[in-house]
């Protein structure tokens, strides 16, 4: 991980929500830091986590299988599974339900840029089995941890231009 990291208030909340037998689903618009959040989660709290992306076809083949044998083989001995861009995995909700119900002690975190798609796919199958975390763009509360008020004001124009791209 390189560059400047602005501490996200949601990191502590994600740690609390990532509990065995449940699925922590991180929603939010594109480019708000979902991937950065889970990378910092792994770095600070769970370096042995299996971190994968739903954009990878091989990952999708395992996670779409609806086979406990294949799902367990994919996870191996890991106690945490983190799926970034989970909305690309068909039937993700059903497969996460299988994992949450049948792999004892497994923590599951799933992120998705397309909030509507991920919400649709995880809704019914994960009823009573999930926590949701809405990640929004950084707030002044988080910025004040790493810069002064005059630095924030000086950066305002640059940040506004970045948002237009």
N, C-alpha and C. Protein backbone atom coordinates (compact mmCIF):
# COMPACT_ATOMS: atom_id res chain seq x y z
N UNK A 1 0.85 -1.17 0.00
CA UNK A 1 0.00 0.00 0.00
C UNK A 1 0.90 1.24 0.00
N UNK A 2 0.66 2.08 -0.95
CA UNK A 2 1.49 3.27 -1.04
C UNK A 2 0.62 4.51 -1.01
N UNK A 3 1.29 5.67 -0.96
CA UNK A 3 0.56 6.93 -0.96
C UNK A 3 0.12 7.31 0.44
N UNK A 4 -0.61 8.39 0.52
CA UNK A 4 -1.10 8.89 1.80
C UNK A 4 -2.42 8.20 2.10
N UNK A 5 -2.53 7.68 3.30
CA UNK A 5 -3.78 7.06 3.73
C UNK A 5 -4.46 7.96 4.73
N UNK A 6 -5.69 8.29 4.48
CA UNK A 6 -6.49 9.09 5.40
C UNK A 6 -7.33 8.10 6.21
N UNK A 7 -7.13 8.03 7.51
CA UNK A 7 -7.87 7.04 8.31
C UNK A 7 -9.38 7.15 8.09
N UNK A 8 -9.98 6.02 7.82
CA UNK A 8 -11.42 5.98 7.59
C UNK A 8 -12.12 5.57 8.88
N UNK A 9 -13.08 6.37 9.28
CA UNK A 9 -13.83 6.07 10.50
C UNK A 9 -14.50 4.70 10.40
N UNK A 10 -14.79 4.26 9.20
CA UNK A 10 -15.51 3.00 9.02
C UNK A 10 -14.63 1.76 9.26
N UNK A 11 -13.30 1.92 9.31
CA UNK A 11 -12.42 0.76 9.52
C UNK A 11 -12.72 0.09 10.85
N UNK A 12 -12.89 0.86 11.89
CA UNK A 12 -13.21 0.31 13.21
C UNK A 12 -14.56 -0.38 13.19
N UNK A 13 -15.49 0.23 12.51
CA UNK A 13 -16.84 -0.37 12.42
C UNK A 13 -16.79 -1.69 11.64
N UNK A 14 -16.01 -1.73 10.56
CA UNK A 14 -15.89 -2.97 9.79
C UNK A 14 -15.30 -4.08 10.66
N UNK A 15 -14.32 -3.75 11.47
CA UNK A 15 -13.73 -4.75 12.36
C UNK A 15 -14.79 -5.34 13.29
N UNK A 16 -15.67 -4.48 13.82
CA UNK A 16 -16.75 -4.95 14.69
C UNK A 16 -17.76 -5.83 13.95
N UNK A 17 -18.05 -5.48 12.70
CA UNK A 17 -19.08 -6.20 11.95
C UNK A 17 -18.59 -7.52 11.37
N UNK A 18 -17.30 -7.66 11.15
CA UNK A 18 -16.74 -8.88 10.56
C UNK A 18 -16.67 -9.96 11.63
N UNK A 19 -17.77 -10.67 11.80
CA UNK A 19 -17.85 -11.69 12.83
C UNK A 19 -18.17 -13.04 12.20
N UNK A 20 -17.69 -14.12 12.82
CA UNK A 20 -17.97 -15.45 12.28
C UNK A 20 -19.47 -15.72 12.16
N UNK A 21 -19.83 -16.35 11.05
CA UNK A 21 -21.23 -16.70 10.82
C UNK A 21 -22.07 -15.60 10.22
N UNK A 22 -21.48 -14.44 10.02
CA UNK A 22 -22.19 -13.31 9.42
C UNK A 22 -21.42 -12.82 8.20
N UNK A 23 -22.09 -12.03 7.38
CA UNK A 23 -21.45 -11.43 6.21
C UNK A 23 -21.52 -9.92 6.37
N UNK A 24 -20.37 -9.27 6.32
CA UNK A 24 -20.32 -7.81 6.35
C UNK A 24 -20.28 -7.35 4.90
N UNK A 25 -21.31 -6.63 4.48
CA UNK A 25 -21.41 -6.15 3.10
C UNK A 25 -21.11 -4.65 3.09
N UNK A 26 -20.09 -4.27 2.34
CA UNK A 26 -19.68 -2.87 2.23
C UNK A 26 -20.17 -2.33 0.89
N UNK A 27 -21.13 -1.40 0.96
CA UNK A 27 -21.69 -0.78 -0.23
C UNK A 27 -21.08 0.59 -0.43
N UNK A 28 -21.24 1.13 -1.61
CA UNK A 28 -20.87 2.52 -1.82
C UNK A 28 -20.62 2.81 -3.28
N UNK A 29 -20.66 4.08 -3.63
CA UNK A 29 -20.39 4.45 -5.02
C UNK A 29 -18.94 4.16 -5.39
N UNK A 30 -18.70 4.19 -6.67
CA UNK A 30 -17.34 3.95 -7.15
C UNK A 30 -16.38 5.00 -6.60
N UNK A 31 -15.15 4.56 -6.40
CA UNK A 31 -14.03 5.45 -6.06
C UNK A 31 -14.14 6.12 -4.68
N UNK A 32 -14.85 5.48 -3.73
CA UNK A 32 -14.91 6.06 -2.39
C UNK A 32 -13.93 5.40 -1.42
N UNK A 33 -13.26 4.34 -1.86
CA UNK A 33 -12.25 3.73 -1.01
C UNK A 33 -12.61 2.38 -0.43
N UNK A 34 -13.54 1.65 -1.03
CA UNK A 34 -13.91 0.34 -0.51
C UNK A 34 -12.73 -0.62 -0.55
N UNK A 35 -12.02 -0.66 -1.68
CA UNK A 35 -10.87 -1.55 -1.80
C UNK A 35 -9.77 -1.13 -0.81
N UNK A 36 -9.53 0.15 -0.69
CA UNK A 36 -8.53 0.64 0.27
C UNK A 36 -8.93 0.25 1.69
N UNK A 37 -10.22 0.38 2.00
CA UNK A 37 -10.71 0.02 3.33
C UNK A 37 -10.40 -1.44 3.64
N UNK A 38 -10.72 -2.34 2.72
CA UNK A 38 -10.49 -3.76 3.02
C UNK A 38 -8.99 -4.11 3.03
N UNK A 39 -8.20 -3.42 2.22
CA UNK A 39 -6.75 -3.64 2.27
C UNK A 39 -6.20 -3.24 3.63
N UNK A 40 -6.67 -2.13 4.17
CA UNK A 40 -6.23 -1.70 5.49
C UNK A 40 -6.78 -2.61 6.58
N UNK A 41 -7.97 -3.14 6.39
CA UNK A 41 -8.52 -4.12 7.33
C UNK A 41 -7.57 -5.32 7.41
N UNK A 42 -7.19 -5.84 6.25
CA UNK A 42 -6.28 -6.99 6.21
C UNK A 42 -4.95 -6.64 6.87
N UNK A 43 -4.39 -5.50 6.49
CA UNK A 43 -3.08 -5.09 7.01
C UNK A 43 -3.10 -4.91 8.54
N UNK A 44 -4.17 -4.35 9.07
CA UNK A 44 -4.21 -4.06 10.51
C UNK A 44 -4.76 -5.20 11.36
N UNK A 45 -5.71 -5.98 10.82
CA UNK A 45 -6.43 -6.91 11.68
C UNK A 45 -6.34 -8.38 11.27
N UNK A 46 -6.07 -8.67 10.01
CA UNK A 46 -6.19 -10.07 9.57
C UNK A 46 -5.30 -10.35 8.37
N UNK A 47 -4.01 -10.43 8.59
CA UNK A 47 -3.05 -10.62 7.50
C UNK A 47 -3.18 -11.97 6.80
N UNK A 48 -3.87 -12.90 7.40
CA UNK A 48 -4.04 -14.22 6.79
C UNK A 48 -5.35 -14.35 6.01
N UNK A 49 -6.07 -13.26 5.86
CA UNK A 49 -7.36 -13.30 5.15
C UNK A 49 -7.14 -13.64 3.68
N UNK A 50 -8.12 -14.30 3.09
CA UNK A 50 -8.13 -14.56 1.65
C UNK A 50 -8.87 -13.40 1.00
N UNK A 51 -8.12 -12.55 0.29
CA UNK A 51 -8.68 -11.36 -0.36
C UNK A 51 -8.71 -11.61 -1.86
N UNK A 52 -9.91 -11.64 -2.45
CA UNK A 52 -10.08 -11.92 -3.87
C UNK A 52 -11.00 -10.87 -4.49
N UNK A 53 -11.05 -10.86 -5.82
CA UNK A 53 -11.94 -9.95 -6.52
C UNK A 53 -12.92 -10.73 -7.41
N UNK A 54 -14.17 -10.27 -7.40
CA UNK A 54 -15.19 -10.88 -8.24
C UNK A 54 -14.98 -10.60 -9.72
N UNK A 55 -14.03 -9.75 -10.05
CA UNK A 55 -13.72 -9.48 -11.46
C UNK A 55 -12.88 -10.61 -12.07
N UNK A 56 -12.28 -11.46 -11.25
CA UNK A 56 -11.43 -12.55 -11.71
C UNK A 56 -12.30 -13.76 -12.08
N UNK A 57 -12.16 -14.24 -13.29
CA UNK A 57 -13.00 -15.35 -13.78
C UNK A 57 -12.79 -16.64 -12.98
N UNK A 58 -11.57 -16.90 -12.55
CA UNK A 58 -11.30 -18.11 -11.77
C UNK A 58 -11.97 -18.02 -10.41
N UNK A 59 -11.91 -16.87 -9.78
CA UNK A 59 -12.60 -16.64 -8.50
C UNK A 59 -14.09 -16.85 -8.69
N UNK A 60 -14.64 -16.29 -9.75
CA UNK A 60 -16.08 -16.44 -10.01
C UNK A 60 -16.46 -17.90 -10.19
N UNK A 61 -15.63 -18.68 -10.86
CA UNK A 61 -15.95 -20.11 -11.07
C UNK A 61 -16.14 -20.83 -9.74
N UNK A 62 -15.29 -20.54 -8.76
CA UNK A 62 -15.45 -21.15 -7.44
C UNK A 62 -16.66 -20.59 -6.70
N UNK A 63 -16.76 -19.26 -6.67
CA UNK A 63 -17.80 -18.63 -5.86
C UNK A 63 -19.20 -18.76 -6.45
N UNK A 64 -19.31 -19.14 -7.71
CA UNK A 64 -20.62 -19.36 -8.33
C UNK A 64 -21.03 -20.83 -8.29
N UNK A 65 -20.22 -21.69 -7.73
CA UNK A 65 -20.41 -23.14 -7.84
C UNK A 65 -21.62 -23.69 -7.10
N UNK A 66 -22.02 -23.08 -6.01
CA UNK A 66 -23.08 -23.59 -5.14
C UNK A 66 -22.75 -24.98 -4.61
N UNK A 67 -21.45 -25.29 -4.55
CA UNK A 67 -20.97 -26.56 -4.02
C UNK A 67 -20.14 -26.29 -2.77
N UNK A 68 -20.58 -26.82 -1.64
CA UNK A 68 -19.82 -26.64 -0.41
C UNK A 68 -18.41 -27.22 -0.52
N UNK A 69 -18.27 -28.31 -1.23
CA UNK A 69 -16.94 -28.92 -1.40
C UNK A 69 -16.01 -27.95 -2.12
N UNK A 70 -16.48 -27.37 -3.22
CA UNK A 70 -15.66 -26.43 -3.97
C UNK A 70 -15.41 -25.15 -3.17
N UNK A 71 -16.42 -24.66 -2.49
CA UNK A 71 -16.27 -23.44 -1.71
C UNK A 71 -15.26 -23.64 -0.57
N UNK A 72 -15.36 -24.77 0.11
CA UNK A 72 -14.40 -25.07 1.19
C UNK A 72 -12.99 -25.24 0.64
N UNK A 73 -12.85 -25.88 -0.51
CA UNK A 73 -11.53 -26.06 -1.12
C UNK A 73 -10.94 -24.71 -1.49
N UNK A 74 -11.76 -23.81 -1.97
CA UNK A 74 -11.30 -22.48 -2.36
C UNK A 74 -10.77 -21.70 -1.15
N UNK A 75 -11.47 -21.79 -0.04
CA UNK A 75 -11.10 -21.06 1.17
C UNK A 75 -9.92 -21.71 1.89
N UNK A 76 -9.85 -23.02 1.83
CA UNK A 76 -8.78 -23.72 2.54
C UNK A 76 -8.91 -23.53 4.04
N UNK A 77 -7.78 -23.25 4.69
CA UNK A 77 -7.76 -23.09 6.15
C UNK A 77 -7.98 -21.65 6.61
N UNK A 78 -8.22 -20.76 5.68
CA UNK A 78 -8.40 -19.34 6.03
C UNK A 78 -9.64 -19.16 6.88
N UNK A 79 -9.57 -18.20 7.79
CA UNK A 79 -10.71 -17.91 8.68
C UNK A 79 -11.46 -16.65 8.25
N UNK A 80 -10.92 -15.96 7.22
CA UNK A 80 -11.58 -14.76 6.71
C UNK A 80 -11.55 -14.78 5.19
N UNK A 81 -12.71 -14.57 4.58
CA UNK A 81 -12.82 -14.44 3.13
C UNK A 81 -13.32 -13.03 2.83
N UNK A 82 -12.57 -12.33 1.97
CA UNK A 82 -12.97 -10.98 1.58
C UNK A 82 -13.10 -10.97 0.06
N UNK A 83 -14.29 -10.61 -0.42
CA UNK A 83 -14.56 -10.57 -1.85
C UNK A 83 -14.81 -9.13 -2.27
N UNK A 84 -13.87 -8.56 -2.99
CA UNK A 84 -14.02 -7.22 -3.52
C UNK A 84 -14.77 -7.32 -4.85
N UNK A 85 -15.60 -6.34 -5.15
CA UNK A 85 -16.41 -6.34 -6.39
C UNK A 85 -17.27 -7.60 -6.48
N UNK A 86 -17.92 -7.93 -5.38
CA UNK A 86 -18.73 -9.15 -5.29
C UNK A 86 -19.94 -9.15 -6.23
N UNK A 87 -20.35 -7.98 -6.71
CA UNK A 87 -21.53 -7.93 -7.58
C UNK A 87 -21.31 -8.66 -8.90
N UNK A 88 -20.07 -8.96 -9.25
CA UNK A 88 -19.79 -9.68 -10.49
C UNK A 88 -20.01 -11.19 -10.36
N UNK A 89 -20.20 -11.68 -9.14
CA UNK A 89 -20.38 -13.11 -8.89
C UNK A 89 -21.88 -13.42 -8.91
N UNK A 90 -22.29 -14.28 -9.88
CA UNK A 90 -23.71 -14.67 -9.95
C UNK A 90 -24.10 -15.43 -8.69
N UNK A 91 -25.30 -15.20 -8.23
CA UNK A 91 -25.83 -15.88 -7.05
C UNK A 91 -24.93 -15.72 -5.83
N UNK A 92 -24.28 -14.58 -5.70
CA UNK A 92 -23.35 -14.36 -4.59
C UNK A 92 -24.04 -14.53 -3.24
N UNK A 93 -25.27 -14.06 -3.14
CA UNK A 93 -25.99 -14.17 -1.87
C UNK A 93 -26.17 -15.61 -1.42
N UNK A 94 -26.57 -16.48 -2.32
CA UNK A 94 -26.77 -17.90 -1.99
C UNK A 94 -25.46 -18.55 -1.57
N UNK A 95 -24.39 -18.27 -2.30
CA UNK A 95 -23.10 -18.89 -1.96
C UNK A 95 -22.55 -18.35 -0.65
N UNK A 96 -22.75 -17.07 -0.37
CA UNK A 96 -22.31 -16.53 0.91
C UNK A 96 -23.14 -17.12 2.06
N UNK A 97 -24.41 -17.37 1.81
CA UNK A 97 -25.26 -18.03 2.81
C UNK A 97 -24.72 -19.42 3.11
N UNK A 98 -24.38 -20.18 2.05
CA UNK A 98 -23.81 -21.52 2.26
C UNK A 98 -22.56 -21.46 3.13
N UNK A 99 -21.69 -20.53 2.82
CA UNK A 99 -20.45 -20.39 3.59
C UNK A 99 -20.73 -19.98 5.03
N UNK A 100 -21.59 -18.98 5.22
CA UNK A 100 -21.89 -18.50 6.57
C UNK A 100 -22.54 -19.59 7.43
N UNK A 101 -23.38 -20.41 6.81
CA UNK A 101 -24.10 -21.44 7.54
C UNK A 101 -23.28 -22.71 7.78
N UNK A 102 -22.33 -23.01 6.89
CA UNK A 102 -21.68 -24.32 6.94
C UNK A 102 -20.18 -24.33 7.18
N UNK A 103 -19.54 -23.18 7.19
CA UNK A 103 -18.11 -23.14 7.49
C UNK A 103 -17.95 -22.42 8.82
N UNK A 104 -17.80 -23.22 9.87
CA UNK A 104 -17.76 -22.68 11.23
C UNK A 104 -16.58 -21.73 11.42
N UNK A 105 -16.87 -20.59 12.04
CA UNK A 105 -15.83 -19.63 12.39
C UNK A 105 -15.36 -18.74 11.26
N UNK A 106 -15.98 -18.82 10.09
CA UNK A 106 -15.54 -18.03 8.94
C UNK A 106 -16.11 -16.62 8.99
N UNK A 107 -15.23 -15.63 8.84
CA UNK A 107 -15.64 -14.23 8.68
C UNK A 107 -15.71 -13.95 7.19
N UNK A 108 -16.77 -13.25 6.77
CA UNK A 108 -16.93 -12.93 5.35
C UNK A 108 -17.19 -11.44 5.20
N UNK A 109 -16.43 -10.82 4.29
CA UNK A 109 -16.64 -9.42 3.94
C UNK A 109 -16.81 -9.37 2.43
N UNK A 110 -17.84 -8.69 1.95
CA UNK A 110 -18.06 -8.53 0.52
C UNK A 110 -18.25 -7.05 0.22
N UNK A 111 -17.57 -6.56 -0.84
CA UNK A 111 -17.75 -5.17 -1.23
C UNK A 111 -18.39 -5.11 -2.61
N UNK A 112 -19.01 -3.99 -2.90
CA UNK A 112 -19.59 -3.81 -4.21
C UNK A 112 -19.77 -2.36 -4.58
N UNK A 113 -19.31 -2.01 -5.78
CA UNK A 113 -19.49 -0.66 -6.27
C UNK A 113 -20.91 -0.41 -6.72
N UNK A 114 -21.53 -1.43 -7.23
CA UNK A 114 -22.89 -1.30 -7.72
C UNK A 114 -23.84 -1.67 -6.59
N UNK A 115 -24.16 -0.71 -5.75
CA UNK A 115 -24.94 -0.98 -4.55
C UNK A 115 -26.26 -1.67 -4.84
N UNK A 116 -26.95 -1.24 -5.87
CA UNK A 116 -28.25 -1.82 -6.18
C UNK A 116 -28.11 -3.29 -6.55
N UNK A 117 -27.15 -3.61 -7.43
CA UNK A 117 -26.96 -5.00 -7.85
C UNK A 117 -26.58 -5.89 -6.68
N UNK A 118 -25.63 -5.43 -5.85
CA UNK A 118 -25.19 -6.24 -4.72
C UNK A 118 -26.30 -6.40 -3.70
N UNK A 119 -27.08 -5.34 -3.48
CA UNK A 119 -28.19 -5.43 -2.53
C UNK A 119 -29.22 -6.45 -3.01
N UNK A 120 -29.51 -6.45 -4.30
CA UNK A 120 -30.46 -7.41 -4.87
C UNK A 120 -29.97 -8.84 -4.68
N UNK A 121 -28.68 -9.07 -4.92
CA UNK A 121 -28.13 -10.42 -4.88
C UNK A 121 -27.95 -10.96 -3.47
N UNK A 122 -27.76 -10.09 -2.49
CA UNK A 122 -27.53 -10.57 -1.13
C UNK A 122 -28.75 -10.45 -0.24
N UNK A 123 -29.76 -9.74 -0.69
CA UNK A 123 -30.92 -9.47 0.15
C UNK A 123 -31.57 -10.67 0.78
N UNK A 124 -32.38 -11.40 0.05
CA UNK A 124 -33.15 -12.50 0.62
C UNK A 124 -32.29 -13.64 1.14
N UNK A 125 -31.29 -14.14 0.37
CA UNK A 125 -30.52 -15.27 0.88
C UNK A 125 -29.81 -14.97 2.21
N UNK A 126 -29.44 -13.73 2.45
CA UNK A 126 -28.67 -13.41 3.65
C UNK A 126 -29.51 -12.77 4.76
N UNK A 127 -30.81 -12.88 4.67
CA UNK A 127 -31.67 -12.32 5.69
C UNK A 127 -31.24 -12.85 7.06
N UNK A 128 -30.96 -11.95 7.98
CA UNK A 128 -30.53 -12.33 9.32
C UNK A 128 -29.09 -12.75 9.42
N UNK A 129 -28.37 -12.73 8.31
CA UNK A 129 -26.98 -13.19 8.31
C UNK A 129 -25.99 -12.10 7.90
N UNK A 130 -26.46 -10.89 7.67
CA UNK A 130 -25.54 -9.87 7.18
C UNK A 130 -25.65 -8.57 7.94
N UNK A 131 -24.53 -7.86 7.92
CA UNK A 131 -24.46 -6.48 8.39
C UNK A 131 -24.08 -5.66 7.18
N UNK A 132 -24.60 -4.46 7.09
CA UNK A 132 -24.23 -3.61 5.96
C UNK A 132 -23.51 -2.36 6.46
N UNK A 133 -22.61 -1.91 5.63
CA UNK A 133 -21.81 -0.73 5.92
C UNK A 133 -21.79 0.11 4.66
N UNK A 134 -22.36 1.30 4.74
CA UNK A 134 -22.38 2.21 3.59
C UNK A 134 -21.14 3.08 3.66
N UNK A 135 -20.31 3.00 2.64
CA UNK A 135 -19.10 3.81 2.59
C UNK A 135 -19.34 4.97 1.64
N UNK A 136 -19.15 6.16 2.16
CA UNK A 136 -19.35 7.39 1.39
C UNK A 136 -18.01 8.09 1.22
N UNK A 137 -17.94 9.11 0.37
CA UNK A 137 -16.68 9.84 0.22
C UNK A 137 -16.19 10.35 1.58
N UNK A 138 -14.88 10.54 1.67
CA UNK A 138 -14.28 11.01 2.92
C UNK A 138 -14.98 12.26 3.44
N UNK A 139 -15.11 12.32 4.71
CA UNK A 139 -15.75 13.46 5.37
C UNK A 139 -14.69 14.36 6.00
N UNK A 140 -15.07 15.57 6.28
CA UNK A 140 -14.17 16.51 6.95
C UNK A 140 -13.66 15.94 8.27
N UNK A 141 -14.49 15.16 8.94
CA UNK A 141 -14.10 14.54 10.20
C UNK A 141 -12.84 13.69 10.01
N UNK A 142 -12.77 12.98 8.89
CA UNK A 142 -11.60 12.14 8.62
C UNK A 142 -10.42 12.98 8.13
N UNK A 143 -10.69 14.00 7.34
CA UNK A 143 -9.61 14.85 6.84
C UNK A 143 -8.93 15.62 7.96
N UNK A 144 -9.68 16.03 8.97
CA UNK A 144 -9.08 16.82 10.04
C UNK A 144 -8.08 16.02 10.86
N UNK A 145 -8.08 14.70 10.70
CA UNK A 145 -7.10 13.86 11.38
C UNK A 145 -5.71 13.98 10.76
N UNK A 146 -5.64 14.40 9.48
CA UNK A 146 -4.35 14.40 8.77
C UNK A 146 -3.94 15.76 8.22
N UNK A 147 -4.82 16.75 8.31
CA UNK A 147 -4.45 18.06 7.80
C UNK A 147 -5.15 19.17 8.59
N UNK A 148 -4.58 20.36 8.52
CA UNK A 148 -5.17 21.52 9.20
C UNK A 148 -6.31 22.09 8.36
N UNK A 149 -7.08 22.98 8.95
CA UNK A 149 -8.20 23.60 8.24
C UNK A 149 -7.72 24.37 7.01
N UNK A 150 -6.60 25.09 7.13
CA UNK A 150 -6.13 25.86 5.97
C UNK A 150 -5.59 24.93 4.87
N UNK A 151 -5.06 23.76 5.23
CA UNK A 151 -4.64 22.79 4.21
C UNK A 151 -5.86 22.23 3.46
N UNK A 152 -6.92 21.96 4.19
CA UNK A 152 -8.15 21.46 3.57
C UNK A 152 -8.69 22.49 2.59
N UNK A 153 -8.72 23.75 3.02
CA UNK A 153 -9.22 24.82 2.15
C UNK A 153 -8.36 24.95 0.90
N UNK A 154 -7.04 24.84 1.05
CA UNK A 154 -6.13 24.95 -0.09
C UNK A 154 -6.32 23.79 -1.07
N UNK A 155 -6.72 22.64 -0.58
CA UNK A 155 -6.89 21.46 -1.42
C UNK A 155 -8.29 21.35 -2.04
N UNK A 156 -9.20 22.19 -1.62
CA UNK A 156 -10.59 22.10 -2.05
C UNK A 156 -10.75 22.12 -3.57
N UNK A 157 -10.08 23.06 -4.23
CA UNK A 157 -10.22 23.16 -5.69
C UNK A 157 -9.69 21.91 -6.39
N UNK A 158 -8.54 21.42 -5.95
CA UNK A 158 -7.97 20.22 -6.54
C UNK A 158 -8.91 19.03 -6.36
N UNK A 159 -9.46 18.87 -5.17
CA UNK A 159 -10.37 17.75 -4.90
C UNK A 159 -11.64 17.87 -5.73
N UNK A 160 -12.12 19.07 -5.94
CA UNK A 160 -13.30 19.28 -6.77
C UNK A 160 -13.03 18.89 -8.20
N UNK A 161 -11.85 19.21 -8.73
CA UNK A 161 -11.49 18.83 -10.09
C UNK A 161 -11.38 17.32 -10.23
N UNK A 162 -10.86 16.64 -9.22
CA UNK A 162 -10.73 15.18 -9.28
C UNK A 162 -12.09 14.52 -9.35
N UNK A 163 -13.06 15.11 -8.68
CA UNK A 163 -14.40 14.53 -8.68
C UNK A 163 -15.11 14.61 -10.01
N UNK A 164 -14.64 15.44 -10.90
CA UNK A 164 -15.29 15.60 -12.20
C UNK A 164 -14.86 14.54 -13.22
N UNK A 165 -13.73 13.88 -12.93
CA UNK A 165 -13.17 12.92 -13.89
C UNK A 165 -13.90 11.67 -13.93
